[in-house]
Amino acid sequence: MIDDARGRAAYLAYRAGAELARVVPPAIGGVVADGLARVMRVAWPDRRAQVARTLRRVTGGALRDRELDRAVDEVFHNYARYWHEFFRLPAMSPAEILRAVDLEGVANLDAALAEGRGAILALPHLGNWDLAGANLAARGYDVVAVAEMVDPPELFEWFVESRRRFGIEVIGLGPESGVAVNRALADNRVVCLLADRDITANGIEVEFFGERTTVPGGPALLALRTGAALLPGSCYFTEGGHTSRIAAPIPAAREGRLRADVERVTAAVVHHLEDAIRERPEQWLLMQPNWPSDRGAAAPTAAGAPGGIGVPT
């Protein structure tokens, strides 16, 4: 009963946030988001500590003391900005979405789709990946994203409908999602997969920022099985908007046993993720434990960083 009440409260909170963002001018909404970020920094001490651990890891311990505190504050600022922008997205026109993002590397995507086997975009939880996907949809690309299922179901359905309104079809992560994703690639669509966090606990073990952990093997497995191009992507907040990048494809040809090939290609994906995250570590909105050494710390109890393609976990 308590979990049901919390789920209902979360659903109503997201709906209220979306309605507020829709009716309030963006400048005022940004001020509200900044205030929320300050509240979160105080209200979520465990999460703040986790963010600090992650930033130290990503920067090789270069961030310390006040500089580290400022970087942690910036993560929370960007987290609030992400949600403010997400709530506004369904009400934005395609022209507004197009103006909001400077897209680099679109020729890599066009070349992949010209092969007719679809394209897989492997992304980290960096910047505003939902806006990047909406920008591709506004440019005329047929975009699909896989998202983690959340409770209550009405909250997940609300996220699905919100994304549909700005051009992204969502496939819920589950037993049938593999079939749906394969069908999307066969139809030459763009499939977006967040690849930096293993939410199923059955991912591929890799070295990620200096420690062994697991990450999703789905992007590599799909590319190896379908022949679809595997393209690393990244998204960044900028002073006046956003930059989204699509890199050249990662080689994903069969060389031996499937498991070994998946491990090899996944390691290459992670290398690209590391490079993208190092460029703007304060924009990596990953607030949960992600390495074995993190899990001895107290687990965060508040709503976490957006998972799937933006669904909170």
Protein backbone atom coordinates (compact mmCIF):
# COMPACT_ATOMS: atom_id res chain seq x y z
CA MET A 1 0.00 0.00 0.00
CA ILE A 2 2.84 2.42 0.85
CA ASP A 3 4.59 1.64 -2.44
CA ASP A 4 1.32 2.20 -4.30
CA ALA A 5 0.88 5.56 -2.61
CA ARG A 6 4.45 6.57 -3.41
CA GLY A 7 4.01 5.53 -7.01
CA ARG A 8 0.82 7.53 -7.31
CA ALA A 9 2.50 10.53 -5.70
CA ALA A 10 5.40 10.27 -8.15
CA TYR A 11 3.01 10.10 -11.09
CA LEU A 12 1.13 13.19 -9.90
CA ALA A 13 4.40 15.03 -9.25
CA TYR A 14 5.67 14.42 -12.79
CA ARG A 15 2.32 15.45 -14.26
CA ALA A 16 2.32 18.61 -12.15
CA GLY A 17 5.88 19.43 -13.20
CA ALA A 18 4.96 19.01 -16.85
CA GLU A 19 1.92 21.26 -16.51
CA LEU A 20 3.94 23.92 -14.72
CA ALA A 21 6.65 23.83 -17.37
CA ARG A 22 4.02 24.15 -20.09
CA VAL A 23 2.38 27.30 -18.73
CA VAL A 24 5.36 29.10 -17.17
CA PRO A 25 7.74 31.08 -19.43
CA PRO A 26 11.03 29.20 -19.97
CA ALA A 27 13.10 31.82 -18.13
CA ILE A 28 10.94 31.55 -15.03
CA GLY A 29 10.88 27.76 -15.30
CA GLY A 30 14.66 27.79 -15.38
CA VAL A 31 14.74 29.74 -12.12
CA VAL A 32 12.35 27.22 -10.56
CA ALA A 33 14.58 24.37 -11.77
CA ASP A 34 17.63 26.03 -10.19
CA GLY A 35 15.76 26.26 -6.90
CA LEU A 36 14.80 22.60 -7.13
CA ALA A 37 18.43 21.68 -7.76
CA ARG A 38 19.46 23.44 -4.55
CA VAL A 39 16.77 21.56 -2.61
CA MET A 40 17.88 18.21 -4.07
CA ARG A 41 21.50 18.82 -3.11
CA VAL A 42 20.42 19.14 0.53
CA ALA A 43 17.63 16.56 0.56
CA TRP A 44 19.62 13.75 -1.09
CA PRO A 45 22.92 13.45 0.85
CA ASP A 46 23.49 9.84 -0.21
CA ARG A 47 22.99 10.74 -3.83
CA ARG A 48 25.28 13.74 -3.50
CA ALA A 49 27.97 11.48 -2.05
CA GLN A 50 27.53 9.05 -4.94
CA VAL A 51 27.85 11.85 -7.50
CA ALA A 52 31.08 12.98 -5.81
CA ARG A 53 32.49 9.43 -6.01
CA THR A 54 31.61 9.22 -9.68
CA LEU A 55 33.18 12.59 -10.48
CA ARG A 56 36.39 11.64 -8.69
CA ARG A 57 36.48 8.41 -10.68
CA VAL A 58 35.85 10.07 -14.06
CA THR A 59 38.46 12.78 -13.46
CA GLY A 60 41.07 10.44 -12.00
CA GLY A 61 40.87 12.19 -8.63
CA ALA A 62 41.68 15.60 -10.12
CA LEU A 63 38.61 17.20 -8.52
CA ARG A 64 38.97 17.92 -4.80
CA ASP A 65 37.46 20.05 -2.05
CA ARG A 66 35.66 23.15 -3.32
CA GLU A 67 36.24 22.31 -6.96
CA LEU A 68 34.62 18.93 -6.42
CA ASP A 69 31.73 20.53 -4.53
CA ARG A 70 31.13 22.92 -7.42
CA ALA A 71 31.14 20.05 -9.91
CA VAL A 72 28.64 18.11 -7.79
CA ASP A 73 26.41 21.19 -7.65
CA GLU A 74 26.63 21.43 -11.43
CA VAL A 75 25.46 17.83 -11.82
CA PHE A 76 22.33 18.64 -9.80
CA HIS A 77 21.83 21.84 -11.80
CA ASN A 78 22.00 19.84 -15.03
CA TYR A 79 19.70 17.16 -13.62
CA ALA A 80 17.06 19.80 -12.87
CA ARG A 81 17.62 21.37 -16.29
CA TYR A 82 17.07 18.00 -17.93
CA TRP A 83 13.67 17.61 -16.28
CA HIS A 84 12.60 21.18 -16.97
CA GLU A 85 13.42 20.71 -20.64
CA PHE A 86 11.82 17.26 -20.77
CA PHE A 87 8.58 18.63 -19.36
CA ARG A 88 8.56 21.38 -22.00
CA LEU A 89 9.39 19.13 -24.95
CA PRO A 90 5.86 17.89 -25.82
CA ALA A 91 4.69 21.50 -26.20
CA MET A 92 7.63 22.57 -28.40
CA SER A 93 7.14 22.86 -32.15
CA PRO A 94 9.40 20.93 -34.54
CA ALA A 95 10.98 24.25 -35.55
CA GLU A 96 11.82 25.03 -31.91
CA ILE A 97 13.32 21.57 -31.42
CA LEU A 98 15.40 21.96 -34.57
CA ARG A 99 16.77 25.31 -33.38
CA ALA A 100 17.61 23.94 -29.94
CA VAL A 101 20.25 21.39 -31.04
CA ASP A 102 23.43 21.71 -33.08
CA LEU A 103 23.78 18.23 -34.60
CA GLU A 104 27.23 17.03 -35.64
CA GLY A 105 27.98 13.84 -37.57
CA VAL A 106 24.60 13.42 -39.24
CA ALA A 107 26.41 12.07 -42.32
CA ASN A 108 27.40 9.02 -40.24
CA LEU A 109 23.74 8.31 -39.54
CA ASP A 110 22.70 8.86 -43.16
CA ALA A 111 25.40 6.49 -44.38
CA ALA A 112 24.25 3.82 -41.93
CA LEU A 113 20.62 4.08 -42.97
CA ALA A 114 21.60 3.96 -46.63
CA GLU A 115 22.64 0.35 -45.99
CA GLY A 116 19.00 -0.44 -45.16
CA ARG A 117 19.59 -2.37 -41.93
CA GLY A 118 18.77 0.38 -39.45
CA ALA A 119 21.08 2.21 -37.06
CA ILE A 120 21.82 1.73 -33.37
CA LEU A 121 22.76 4.83 -31.36
CA ALA A 122 24.63 3.91 -28.16
CA LEU A 123 24.42 6.79 -25.69
CA PRO A 124 25.42 7.64 -22.14
CA HIS A 125 23.14 9.46 -19.68
CA LEU A 126 24.78 12.70 -20.79
CA GLY A 127 23.15 16.08 -21.35
CA ASN A 128 19.59 15.92 -22.68
CA TRP A 129 19.36 12.75 -24.74
CA ASP A 130 15.58 13.06 -25.03
CA LEU A 131 15.93 16.40 -26.79
CA ALA A 132 18.59 14.88 -29.05
CA GLY A 133 16.16 12.11 -30.01
CA ALA A 134 13.37 14.63 -30.56
CA ASN A 135 15.70 16.62 -32.80
CA LEU A 136 16.34 13.55 -34.96
CA ALA A 137 12.59 12.99 -35.20
CA ALA A 138 12.04 16.63 -36.17
CA ARG A 139 14.61 16.13 -38.95
CA GLY A 140 12.49 13.29 -40.33
CA TYR A 141 14.27 10.25 -38.89
CA ASP A 142 12.14 7.38 -37.59
CA VAL A 143 13.28 7.12 -33.96
CA VAL A 144 12.71 4.29 -31.49
CA ALA A 145 13.99 4.11 -27.92
CA VAL A 146 14.07 1.30 -25.37
CA ALA A 147 13.06 2.38 -21.86
CA GLU A 148 13.04 0.72 -18.48
CA MET A 149 9.58 -0.16 -17.16
CA VAL A 150 8.60 1.80 -14.05
CA ASP A 151 5.78 1.65 -11.53
CA PRO A 152 3.02 2.57 -11.42
CA PRO A 153 2.07 1.59 -14.99
CA GLU A 154 0.26 4.90 -15.49
CA LEU A 155 3.56 6.73 -14.94
CA PHE A 156 5.30 4.63 -17.58
CA GLU A 157 2.40 5.16 -19.99
CA TRP A 158 2.62 8.90 -19.39
CA PHE A 159 6.31 8.84 -20.30
CA VAL A 160 5.53 6.80 -23.42
CA GLU A 161 2.84 9.26 -24.49
CA SER A 162 5.07 12.27 -23.75
CA ARG A 163 7.80 10.88 -25.99
CA ARG A 164 5.34 9.95 -28.71
CA ARG A 165 4.26 13.58 -28.82
CA PHE A 166 7.78 14.70 -29.71
CA GLY A 167 8.39 11.90 -32.17
CA ILE A 168 9.97 9.01 -30.27
CA GLU A 169 8.34 5.57 -30.12
CA VAL A 170 9.16 3.81 -26.85
CA ILE A 171 9.63 0.08 -26.47
CA GLY A 172 9.34 -1.04 -22.86
CA LEU A 173 12.26 -3.17 -21.68
CA GLY A 174 10.98 -6.71 -21.17
CA PRO A 175 10.76 -10.24 -22.60
CA GLU A 176 9.31 -9.02 -25.92
CA SER A 177 11.50 -5.96 -26.39
CA GLY A 178 14.15 -7.85 -28.38
CA VAL A 179 11.62 -8.85 -31.03
CA ALA A 180 10.32 -5.29 -31.28
CA VAL A 181 13.82 -3.81 -31.59
CA ASN A 182 14.81 -6.31 -34.28
CA ARG A 183 11.66 -5.40 -36.19
CA ALA A 184 12.49 -1.70 -35.91
CA LEU A 185 15.98 -2.27 -37.33
CA ALA A 186 14.56 -4.42 -40.13
CA ASP A 187 12.34 -1.43 -40.97
CA ASN A 188 15.50 0.74 -41.21
CA ARG A 189 14.69 2.83 -38.13
CA VAL A 190 17.03 4.54 -35.65
CA VAL A 191 17.14 2.67 -32.33
CA CYS A 192 18.47 4.65 -29.35
CA LEU A 193 19.94 2.67 -26.44
CA LEU A 194 21.45 4.06 -23.25
CA ALA A 195 24.56 1.97 -22.75
CA ASP A 196 26.31 3.13 -19.56
CA ARG A 197 24.22 1.48 -16.86
CA ASP A 198 23.30 -2.18 -16.44
CA ILE A 199 19.77 -2.14 -15.02
CA THR A 200 19.13 -5.84 -15.67
CA ALA A 201 22.19 -7.10 -13.73
CA ASN A 202 23.06 -9.49 -16.55
CA GLY A 203 25.26 -7.25 -18.68
CA ILE A 204 28.76 -7.62 -20.08
CA GLU A 205 31.73 -7.20 -17.75
CA VAL A 206 34.13 -4.49 -18.89
CA GLU A 207 36.63 -2.06 -17.46
CA PHE A 208 34.85 1.27 -17.15
CA PHE A 209 36.81 4.21 -15.77
CA GLY A 210 39.40 1.96 -14.16
CA GLU A 211 37.20 -0.64 -12.47
CA ARG A 212 35.47 -3.78 -13.70
CA THR A 213 31.71 -3.56 -13.80
CA THR A 214 28.88 -4.58 -16.11
CA VAL A 215 27.19 -2.56 -18.83
CA PRO A 216 24.43 -3.45 -21.29
CA GLY A 217 25.48 -5.85 -24.03
CA GLY A 218 22.39 -5.13 -26.12
CA PRO A 219 23.92 -2.59 -28.52
CA ALA A 220 26.78 -4.91 -29.47
CA LEU A 221 24.57 -8.01 -29.67
CA LEU A 222 22.04 -6.26 -31.92
CA ALA A 223 24.74 -4.97 -34.24
CA LEU A 224 26.40 -8.38 -34.51
CA ARG A 225 23.15 -10.21 -35.16
CA THR A 226 21.43 -7.75 -37.51
CA GLY A 227 24.28 -6.00 -39.32
CA ALA A 228 22.90 -2.62 -38.26
CA ALA A 229 25.53 0.09 -37.84
CA LEU A 230 26.52 0.75 -34.22
CA LEU A 231 27.05 4.48 -33.79
CA PRO A 232 28.31 6.10 -30.56
CA GLY A 233 26.35 9.22 -29.68
CA SER A 234 26.65 12.00 -27.12
CA CYS A 235 24.65 15.05 -26.08
CA TYR A 236 25.80 18.15 -24.21
CA PHE A 237 24.19 21.17 -22.65
CA THR A 238 25.65 24.41 -23.96
CA GLU A 239 25.27 28.00 -22.80
CA GLY A 240 22.46 28.75 -25.21
CA GLY A 241 21.25 25.32 -26.26
CA HIS A 242 22.61 21.85 -26.96
CA THR A 243 25.12 19.94 -29.05
CA SER A 244 24.51 16.38 -30.20
CA ARG A 245 27.16 14.22 -31.89
CA ILE A 246 26.99 11.02 -33.89
CA ALA A 247 30.38 9.36 -34.35
CA ALA A 248 31.54 6.98 -37.03
CA PRO A 249 30.35 3.39 -36.59
CA ILE A 250 32.12 0.95 -34.31
CA PRO A 251 33.26 -2.17 -36.23
CA ALA A 252 30.89 -4.99 -35.32
CA ALA A 253 31.72 -7.95 -37.52
CA ARG A 254 31.70 -11.55 -36.32
CA GLU A 255 35.19 -12.91 -35.62
CA GLY A 256 34.60 -15.94 -33.41
CA ARG A 257 32.25 -17.08 -30.65
CA LEU A 258 29.27 -14.77 -30.23
CA ARG A 259 29.96 -14.14 -26.54
CA ALA A 260 33.55 -13.13 -27.23
CA ASP A 261 32.43 -10.85 -30.06
CA VAL A 262 29.84 -9.17 -27.84
CA GLU A 263 32.47 -8.58 -25.16
CA ARG A 264 34.92 -7.13 -27.70
CA VAL A 265 32.38 -4.76 -29.28
CA THR A 266 30.95 -3.73 -25.90
CA ALA A 267 34.45 -2.80 -24.71
CA ALA A 268 34.76 -0.56 -27.80
CA VAL A 269 31.41 1.06 -26.98
CA VAL A 270 32.59 1.76 -23.44
CA HIS A 271 35.77 3.39 -24.75
CA HIS A 272 33.62 5.87 -26.68
CA LEU A 273 31.39 6.44 -23.66
CA GLU A 274 34.42 7.25 -21.51
CA ASP A 275 35.68 9.80 -24.04
CA ALA A 276 32.28 11.47 -24.27
CA ILE A 277 31.79 11.60 -20.49
CA ARG A 278 35.30 12.92 -19.78
CA GLU A 279 34.56 15.90 -22.01
CA ARG A 280 31.75 17.09 -19.70
CA PRO A 281 31.72 14.94 -16.54
CA GLU A 282 29.39 17.38 -14.74
CA GLN A 283 26.75 16.59 -17.38
CA TRP A 284 26.73 12.83 -16.71
CA LEU A 285 23.42 12.36 -14.92
CA LEU A 286 24.25 9.01 -13.37
CA MET A 287 23.47 9.14 -9.66
CA GLN A 288 23.29 5.47 -8.73
CA PRO A 289 26.09 3.09 -7.72
CA ASN A 290 27.57 1.77 -10.94
CA TRP A 291 30.67 -0.14 -9.80
CA PRO A 292 31.17 -2.88 -7.18
CA SER A 293 33.14 -0.51 -4.95
CA ASP A 294 30.16 1.87 -4.86
CA ARG A 295 27.79 -0.68 -3.46
CA GLY A 296 29.24 -0.67 0.01
CA ALA A 297 27.95 2.88 0.39
CA ALA A 298 24.41 3.67 1.42
CA ALA A 299 22.07 3.26 -1.53
CA PRO A 300 20.25 6.45 -2.59
CA THR A 301 16.60 6.47 -1.64
CA ALA A 302 15.17 9.23 -3.81
CA ALA A 303 14.22 9.06 -7.48
CA GLY A 304 17.37 8.48 -9.47
CA ALA A 305 18.91 9.53 -12.70
CA PRO A 306 16.79 9.02 -15.75
CA GLY A 307 17.13 5.53 -17.13
CA GLY A 308 16.15 3.86 -20.35
CA ILE A 309 15.81 6.86 -22.61
CA GLY A 310 14.86 9.20 -19.86
CA VAL A 311 12.53 7.18 -17.66
CA PRO A 312 13.42 7.74 -13.99
CA THR A 313 14.42 4.76 -11.87
